[in-house]
């Protein structure tokens, strides 16, 4: 029989990135980590962008958007791809029902959180690990200063308007950037947004031409700078 398949889901809105190594290390004790995701809103995006090993899931800016997306994904993983154990890192009691439901279905649930984590969530998990506040942030010595300020503004705009991690419409980038920053892409050498984005494949992932074409930023491109 093979190793137990494990999914790591981190609520990046209330667990800081310096705990990432501990979370992965503890999850690996449960089995093979096949899924590692961190869920964040715009306000907590920058630190997690520089943290390797995770798929970044931008939840938008709505109230409880991060909680809802993480819970939906957890249930989908539970019944779609054969995950057998979950490591859920959060300090939020809102995940209590998720932990309880997963355990009722026979899944092992490891909870990880800071000292502020409510007892309701701790007790709902199969086991709970307290994250140490003294851990060093693996990204703390890195900066994104080598990425041009203009591209950082584009990244922020895409993150703000991304829908379920699918990016934002390319057609919306021009009016949004003009409203927020006064940007006129025609003033740049590339002359169009598609040409500008296509010329930077290390930073952007662009759909083929079409009215519904989307653009996403590449976390690794920004993290490597």
C-alpha atoms as a PDB file:
ATOM      1  CA  UNK A   1       0.000   0.000   0.000  1.00  0.00           C
ATOM      2  CA  UNK A   2       1.347   3.434  -0.915  1.00  0.00           C
ATOM      3  CA  UNK A   3       1.852   6.477   1.240  1.00  0.00           C
ATOM      4  CA  UNK A   4      -1.146   8.397   2.503  1.00  0.00           C
ATOM      5  CA  UNK A   5      -1.889  11.396   0.262  1.00  0.00           C
ATOM      6  CA  UNK A   6      -1.864  14.695   2.122  1.00  0.00           C
ATOM      7  CA  UNK A   7      -3.219  18.158   1.293  1.00  0.00           C
ATOM      8  CA  UNK A   8      -1.779  21.242   2.984  1.00  0.00           C
ATOM      9  CA  UNK A   9      -4.154  24.223   3.095  1.00  0.00           C
ATOM     10  CA  UNK A  10      -2.987  27.457   4.728  1.00  0.00           C
ATOM     11  CA  UNK A  11      -5.142  30.439   5.599  1.00  0.00           C
ATOM     12  CA  UNK A  12      -2.573  33.067   4.668  1.00  0.00           C
ATOM     13  CA  UNK A  13      -4.721  35.868   6.054  1.00  0.00           C
ATOM     14  CA  UNK A  14      -4.018  34.880   9.647  1.00  0.00           C
ATOM     15  CA  UNK A  15      -0.988  32.570   9.520  1.00  0.00           C
ATOM     16  CA  UNK A  16       2.262  34.348   8.637  1.00  0.00           C
ATOM     17  CA  UNK A  17       4.660  33.023   6.019  1.00  0.00           C
ATOM     18  CA  UNK A  18       7.475  32.336   8.486  1.00  0.00           C
ATOM     19  CA  UNK A  19       5.579  29.200   9.553  1.00  0.00           C
ATOM     20  CA  UNK A  20       5.644  27.687   6.060  1.00  0.00           C
ATOM     21  CA  UNK A  21       8.547  25.315   6.654  1.00  0.00           C
ATOM     22  CA  UNK A  22       7.083  23.960   9.870  1.00  0.00           C
ATOM     23  CA  UNK A  23       3.695  23.410   8.263  1.00  0.00           C
ATOM     24  CA  UNK A  24       5.201  21.433   5.370  1.00  0.00           C
ATOM     25  CA  UNK A  25       7.515  19.473   7.667  1.00  0.00           C
ATOM     26  CA  UNK A  26       4.668  18.416   9.957  1.00  0.00           C
ATOM     27  CA  UNK A  27       2.436  17.553   7.005  1.00  0.00           C
ATOM     28  CA  UNK A  28       5.122  15.297   5.542  1.00  0.00           C
ATOM     29  CA  UNK A  29       4.970  13.225   8.728  1.00  0.00           C
ATOM     30  CA  UNK A  30       1.411  12.282   7.740  1.00  0.00           C
ATOM     31  CA  UNK A  31       2.353  11.004   4.289  1.00  0.00           C
ATOM     32  CA  UNK A  32       3.124  12.334   0.832  1.00  0.00           C
ATOM     33  CA  UNK A  33       2.192  15.993   0.332  1.00  0.00           C
ATOM     34  CA  UNK A  34       0.503  16.123  -3.072  1.00  0.00           C
ATOM     35  CA  UNK A  35      -1.274  19.456  -2.604  1.00  0.00           C
ATOM     36  CA  UNK A  36       0.174  22.559  -0.924  1.00  0.00           C
ATOM     37  CA  UNK A  37      -1.869  25.748  -1.212  1.00  0.00           C
ATOM     38  CA  UNK A  38      -1.973  29.065   0.585  1.00  0.00           C
ATOM     39  CA  UNK A  39      -5.115  31.212   0.428  1.00  0.00           C
ATOM     40  CA  UNK A  40      -4.753  34.987   0.686  1.00  0.00           C
ATOM     41  CA  UNK A  41      -6.484  38.260  -0.014  1.00  0.00           C
ATOM     42  CA  UNK A  42      -4.803  41.354  -1.461  1.00  0.00           C
ATOM     43  CA  UNK A  43      -3.696  42.621   1.960  1.00  0.00           C
ATOM     44  CA  UNK A  44      -1.587  39.530   2.726  1.00  0.00           C
ATOM     45  CA  UNK A  45      -0.304  38.733  -0.742  1.00  0.00           C
ATOM     46  CA  UNK A  46       3.230  40.130  -0.781  1.00  0.00           C
ATOM     47  CA  UNK A  47       4.887  37.973   1.913  1.00  0.00           C
ATOM     48  CA  UNK A  48       3.469  34.723   0.549  1.00  0.00           C
ATOM     49  CA  UNK A  49       4.565  35.628  -2.982  1.00  0.00           C
ATOM     50  CA  UNK A  50       8.150  35.148  -1.827  1.00  0.00           C
ATOM     51  CA  UNK A  51       7.507  31.799  -0.099  1.00  0.00           C
ATOM     52  CA  UNK A  52       8.419  28.751  -2.225  1.00  0.00           C
ATOM     53  CA  UNK A  53       6.640  25.419  -2.236  1.00  0.00           C
ATOM     54  CA  UNK A  54       3.016  26.553  -2.364  1.00  0.00           C
ATOM     55  CA  UNK A  55       0.381  27.223  -4.988  1.00  0.00           C
ATOM     56  CA  UNK A  56      -0.960  30.704  -4.302  1.00  0.00           C
ATOM     57  CA  UNK A  57      -4.760  30.943  -4.298  1.00  0.00           C
ATOM     58  CA  UNK A  58      -5.964  34.545  -4.427  1.00  0.00           C
ATOM     59  CA  UNK A  59      -9.421  34.730  -2.905  1.00  0.00           C
ATOM     60  CA  UNK A  60     -10.384  38.274  -3.890  1.00  0.00           C
ATOM     61  CA  UNK A  61     -11.469  41.036  -1.544  1.00  0.00           C
ATOM     62  CA  UNK A  62     -14.945  39.976  -0.404  1.00  0.00           C
ATOM     63  CA  UNK A  63     -15.799  39.347   3.227  1.00  0.00           C
ATOM     64  CA  UNK A  64     -14.760  35.808   4.270  1.00  0.00           C
ATOM     65  CA  UNK A  65     -13.622  35.141   0.700  1.00  0.00           C
ATOM     66  CA  UNK A  66     -10.505  33.297   1.863  1.00  0.00           C
ATOM     67  CA  UNK A  67     -12.457  31.108   4.294  1.00  0.00           C
ATOM     68  CA  UNK A  68     -15.034  30.160   1.688  1.00  0.00           C
ATOM     69  CA  UNK A  69     -12.554  29.323  -1.060  1.00  0.00           C
ATOM     70  CA  UNK A  70     -10.404  27.201   1.258  1.00  0.00           C
ATOM     71  CA  UNK A  71     -13.442  25.262   2.511  1.00  0.00           C
ATOM     72  CA  UNK A  72     -14.776  24.661  -0.995  1.00  0.00           C
ATOM     73  CA  UNK A  73     -11.393  23.433  -2.193  1.00  0.00           C
ATOM     74  CA  UNK A  74     -10.981  21.178   0.847  1.00  0.00           C
ATOM     75  CA  UNK A  75     -14.270  19.385   0.185  1.00  0.00           C
ATOM     76  CA  UNK A  76     -13.471  19.087  -3.502  1.00  0.00           C
ATOM     77  CA  UNK A  77     -10.076  17.569  -2.711  1.00  0.00           C
ATOM     78  CA  UNK A  78     -11.656  15.195  -0.214  1.00  0.00           C
ATOM     79  CA  UNK A  79     -13.955  13.638  -2.793  1.00  0.00           C
ATOM     80  CA  UNK A  80     -12.210  14.193  -6.117  1.00  0.00           C
ATOM     81  CA  UNK A  81      -8.574  13.077  -6.059  1.00  0.00           C
ATOM     82  CA  UNK A  82      -8.207  10.660  -3.166  1.00  0.00           C
ATOM     83  CA  UNK A  83      -6.673  12.861  -0.498  1.00  0.00           C
ATOM     84  CA  UNK A  84      -6.591  10.961   2.807  1.00  0.00           C
ATOM     85  CA  UNK A  85      -5.285  13.549   5.284  1.00  0.00           C
ATOM     86  CA  UNK A  86      -5.363  17.312   5.646  1.00  0.00           C
ATOM     87  CA  UNK A  87      -3.026  19.756   7.326  1.00  0.00           C
ATOM     88  CA  UNK A  88      -4.998  22.974   7.837  1.00  0.00           C
ATOM     89  CA  UNK A  89      -3.016  25.952   9.086  1.00  0.00           C
ATOM     90  CA  UNK A  90      -5.186  28.705  10.529  1.00  0.00           C
ATOM     91  CA  UNK A  91      -5.852  30.603  13.718  1.00  0.00           C
ATOM     92  CA  UNK A  92      -9.504  31.151  12.830  1.00  0.00           C
ATOM     93  CA  UNK A  93     -12.447  29.383  14.502  1.00  0.00           C
ATOM     94  CA  UNK A  94     -14.408  29.623  11.229  1.00  0.00           C
ATOM     95  CA  UNK A  95     -12.749  26.386  10.059  1.00  0.00           C
ATOM     96  CA  UNK A  96     -14.162  24.375  12.967  1.00  0.00           C
ATOM     97  CA  UNK A  97     -17.060  22.989  10.918  1.00  0.00           C
ATOM     98  CA  UNK A  98     -14.725  22.051   8.076  1.00  0.00           C
ATOM     99  CA  UNK A  99     -12.467  20.060  10.402  1.00  0.00           C
ATOM    100  CA  UNK A 100     -15.442  18.331  12.005  1.00  0.00           C
ATOM    101  CA  UNK A 101     -16.984  17.389   8.664  1.00  0.00           C
ATOM    102  CA  UNK A 102     -13.715  16.012   7.304  1.00  0.00           C
ATOM    103  CA  UNK A 103     -13.203  13.896  10.408  1.00  0.00           C
ATOM    104  CA  UNK A 104     -16.751  12.568  10.183  1.00  0.00           C
ATOM    105  CA  UNK A 105     -15.893  11.396   6.684  1.00  0.00           C
ATOM    106  CA  UNK A 106     -12.844   9.522   7.965  1.00  0.00           C
ATOM    107  CA  UNK A 107     -10.076  11.986   7.108  1.00  0.00           C
ATOM    108  CA  UNK A 108      -7.166  12.687   9.427  1.00  0.00           C
ATOM    109  CA  UNK A 109      -7.080  16.431  10.139  1.00  0.00           C
ATOM    110  CA  UNK A 110      -3.944  18.053  11.526  1.00  0.00           C
ATOM    111  CA  UNK A 111      -4.597  21.595  12.669  1.00  0.00           C
ATOM    112  CA  UNK A 112      -1.753  24.092  12.965  1.00  0.00           C
ATOM    113  CA  UNK A 113      -2.131  27.563  14.395  1.00  0.00           C
ATOM    114  CA  UNK A 114      -0.682  30.303  16.536  1.00  0.00           C
ATOM    115  CA  UNK A 115      -1.414  30.779  20.233  1.00  0.00           C
ATOM    116  CA  UNK A 116      -4.505  32.837  19.434  1.00  0.00           C
ATOM    117  CA  UNK A 117      -6.231  29.832  17.827  1.00  0.00           C
ATOM    118  CA  UNK A 118      -9.601  29.222  19.573  1.00  0.00           C
ATOM    119  CA  UNK A 119     -10.217  25.937  21.391  1.00  0.00           C
ATOM    120  CA  UNK A 120     -13.163  25.178  19.089  1.00  0.00           C
ATOM    121  CA  UNK A 121     -10.869  24.645  16.111  1.00  0.00           C
ATOM    122  CA  UNK A 122      -8.152  22.875  18.113  1.00  0.00           C
ATOM    123  CA  UNK A 123     -10.581  20.313  19.464  1.00  0.00           C
ATOM    124  CA  UNK A 124     -12.257  19.760  16.107  1.00  0.00           C
ATOM    125  CA  UNK A 125      -9.006  18.447  14.625  1.00  0.00           C
ATOM    126  CA  UNK A 126      -7.589  14.954  14.990  1.00  0.00           C
ATOM    127  CA  UNK A 127      -4.439  16.605  16.335  1.00  0.00           C
ATOM    128  CA  UNK A 128      -3.336  20.203  16.764  1.00  0.00           C
ATOM    129  CA  UNK A 129       0.166  21.711  16.645  1.00  0.00           C
ATOM    130  CA  UNK A 130       0.989  25.123  18.082  1.00  0.00           C
ATOM    131  CA  UNK A 131       3.157  27.174  15.719  1.00  0.00           C
ATOM    132  CA  UNK A 132       6.155  28.829  17.358  1.00  0.00           C
ATOM    133  CA  UNK A 133       6.213  32.614  17.112  1.00  0.00           C
ATOM    134  CA  UNK A 134      10.023  32.655  16.872  1.00  0.00           C
ATOM    135  CA  UNK A 135      10.326  30.883  13.534  1.00  0.00           C
ATOM    136  CA  UNK A 136      12.304  32.703  10.884  1.00  0.00           C
ATOM    137  CA  UNK A 137      10.570  33.804   7.704  1.00  0.00           C
ATOM    138  CA  UNK A 138      12.314  31.997   4.795  1.00  0.00           C
ATOM    139  CA  UNK A 139      11.582  35.014   2.594  1.00  0.00           C
ATOM    140  CA  UNK A 140      12.614  37.651   5.108  1.00  0.00           C
ATOM    141  CA  UNK A 141      15.951  38.387   3.424  1.00  0.00           C
ATOM    142  CA  UNK A 142      14.483  38.608  -0.066  1.00  0.00           C
ATOM    143  CA  UNK A 143      13.039  41.659  -1.776  1.00  0.00           C
ATOM    144  CA  UNK A 144      11.167  42.276  -4.999  1.00  0.00           C
ATOM    145  CA  UNK A 145      12.933  45.555  -5.662  1.00  0.00           C
ATOM    146  CA  UNK A 146      14.519  44.238  -8.896  1.00  0.00           C
ATOM    147  CA  UNK A 147      11.046  43.942 -10.432  1.00  0.00           C
ATOM    148  CA  UNK A 148      10.104  47.297 -11.958  1.00  0.00           C
ATOM    149  CA  UNK A 149       7.571  49.294  -9.983  1.00  0.00           C
ATOM    150  CA  UNK A 150       5.276  49.307 -13.009  1.00  0.00           C
ATOM    151  CA  UNK A 151       5.146  45.501 -13.067  1.00  0.00           C
ATOM    152  CA  UNK A 152       4.473  45.390  -9.356  1.00  0.00           C
ATOM    153  CA  UNK A 153       1.471  47.648  -9.959  1.00  0.00           C
ATOM    154  CA  UNK A 154       0.273  45.301 -12.699  1.00  0.00           C
ATOM    155  CA  UNK A 155       0.696  42.305 -10.413  1.00  0.00           C
ATOM    156  CA  UNK A 156      -1.312  44.023  -7.690  1.00  0.00           C
ATOM    157  CA  UNK A 157      -4.068  44.893 -10.160  1.00  0.00           C
ATOM    158  CA  UNK A 158      -4.283  41.324 -11.450  1.00  0.00           C
ATOM    159  CA  UNK A 159      -4.368  39.952  -7.907  1.00  0.00           C
ATOM    160  CA  UNK A 160      -7.122  42.372  -6.946  1.00  0.00           C
ATOM    161  CA  UNK A 161      -9.354  41.402  -9.865  1.00  0.00           C
ATOM    162  CA  UNK A 162      -8.461  37.725 -10.232  1.00  0.00           C
ATOM    163  CA  UNK A 163     -11.421  35.354 -10.128  1.00  0.00           C
ATOM    164  CA  UNK A 164     -10.767  32.020  -8.388  1.00  0.00           C
ATOM    165  CA  UNK A 165      -7.119  32.130  -9.373  1.00  0.00           C
ATOM    166  CA  UNK A 166      -7.938  32.370 -13.103  1.00  0.00           C
ATOM    167  CA  UNK A 167      -6.605  35.910 -13.498  1.00  0.00           C
ATOM    168  CA  UNK A 168      -8.321  38.997 -14.866  1.00  0.00           C
ATOM    169  CA  UNK A 169      -9.581  39.868 -18.320  1.00  0.00           C
ATOM    170  CA  UNK A 170      -6.850  41.390 -20.471  1.00  0.00           C
ATOM    171  CA  UNK A 171      -9.439  43.816 -21.824  1.00  0.00           C
ATOM    172  CA  UNK A 172     -10.006  45.173 -18.319  1.00  0.00           C
ATOM    173  CA  UNK A 173      -6.349  45.876 -17.624  1.00  0.00           C
ATOM    174  CA  UNK A 174      -6.201  49.084 -19.666  1.00  0.00           C
ATOM    175  CA  UNK A 175      -9.158  50.893 -18.029  1.00  0.00           C
ATOM    176  CA  UNK A 176      -8.257  49.656 -14.527  1.00  0.00           C
ATOM    177  CA  UNK A 177      -4.605  50.725 -14.796  1.00  0.00           C
ATOM    178  CA  UNK A 178      -5.567  54.059 -16.301  1.00  0.00           C
ATOM    179  CA  UNK A 179      -8.051  54.776 -13.518  1.00  0.00           C
ATOM    180  CA  UNK A 180      -5.699  53.706 -10.739  1.00  0.00           C
ATOM    181  CA  UNK A 181      -2.353  54.940 -12.057  1.00  0.00           C
ATOM    182  CA  UNK A 182      -3.014  57.109 -15.125  1.00  0.00           C
ATOM    183  CA  UNK A 183      -1.297  54.504 -17.328  1.00  0.00           C
ATOM    184  CA  UNK A 184      -1.537  54.817 -21.104  1.00  0.00           C
ATOM    185  CA  UNK A 185      -0.008  51.698 -22.623  1.00  0.00           C
ATOM    186  CA  UNK A 186       0.250  53.469 -26.006  1.00  0.00           C
ATOM    187  CA  UNK A 187       2.998  55.601 -24.474  1.00  0.00           C
ATOM    188  CA  UNK A 188       5.226  52.552 -23.947  1.00  0.00           C
ATOM    189  CA  UNK A 189       7.399  51.004 -26.678  1.00  0.00           C
ATOM    190  CA  UNK A 190       5.228  47.863 -26.913  1.00  0.00           C
ATOM    191  CA  UNK A 191       2.154  49.935 -27.722  1.00  0.00           C
ATOM    192  CA  UNK A 192      -0.434  47.428 -26.426  1.00  0.00           C
ATOM    193  CA  UNK A 193      -1.081  45.426 -23.293  1.00  0.00           C
ATOM    194  CA  UNK A 194      -0.859  42.089 -25.097  1.00  0.00           C
ATOM    195  CA  UNK A 195       2.516  42.986 -26.560  1.00  0.00           C
ATOM    196  CA  UNK A 196       3.787  44.218 -23.179  1.00  0.00           C
ATOM    197  CA  UNK A 197       2.651  41.099 -21.285  1.00  0.00           C
ATOM    198  CA  UNK A 198       3.804  38.684 -24.002  1.00  0.00           C
ATOM    199  CA  UNK A 199       7.284  40.189 -23.869  1.00  0.00           C
ATOM    200  CA  UNK A 200       7.565  39.183 -20.191  1.00  0.00           C
ATOM    201  CA  UNK A 201       6.729  35.451 -20.032  1.00  0.00           C
ATOM    202  CA  UNK A 202       8.660  35.100 -16.770  1.00  0.00           C
ATOM    203  CA  UNK A 203       6.197  37.477 -15.085  1.00  0.00           C
ATOM    204  CA  UNK A 204       2.874  36.857 -16.844  1.00  0.00           C
ATOM    205  CA  UNK A 205       0.832  33.930 -18.136  1.00  0.00           C
ATOM    206  CA  UNK A 206      -1.392  35.068 -20.992  1.00  0.00           C
ATOM    207  CA  UNK A 207      -4.320  33.313 -22.683  1.00  0.00           C
ATOM    208  CA  UNK A 208      -4.556  33.234 -26.512  1.00  0.00           C
ATOM    209  CA  UNK A 209      -6.335  36.140 -28.165  1.00  0.00           C
ATOM    210  CA  UNK A 210     -10.066  36.393 -27.630  1.00  0.00           C
ATOM    211  CA  UNK A 211     -12.739  38.445 -25.841  1.00  0.00           C
ATOM    212  CA  UNK A 212     -12.439  36.261 -22.717  1.00  0.00           C
ATOM    213  CA  UNK A 213      -8.634  36.101 -22.669  1.00  0.00           C
ATOM    214  CA  UNK A 214      -7.208  36.252 -19.145  1.00  0.00           C
ATOM    215  CA  UNK A 215      -3.826  37.202 -17.749  1.00  0.00           C
ATOM    216  CA  UNK A 216      -2.225  35.873 -14.571  1.00  0.00           C
ATOM    217  CA  UNK A 217       1.007  36.851 -12.888  1.00  0.00           C
ATOM    218  CA  UNK A 218       3.617  34.185 -12.208  1.00  0.00           C
ATOM    219  CA  UNK A 219       4.477  34.098  -8.469  1.00  0.00           C
ATOM    220  CA  UNK A 220       7.826  32.483  -9.229  1.00  0.00           C
ATOM    221  CA  UNK A 221       8.772  35.313 -11.564  1.00  0.00           C
ATOM    222  CA  UNK A 222       8.239  37.921  -8.900  1.00  0.00           C
ATOM    223  CA  UNK A 223       9.680  35.764  -6.116  1.00  0.00           C
ATOM    224  CA  UNK A 224      12.919  35.225  -7.984  1.00  0.00           C
ATOM    225  CA  UNK A 225      13.626  38.944  -8.260  1.00  0.00           C
END
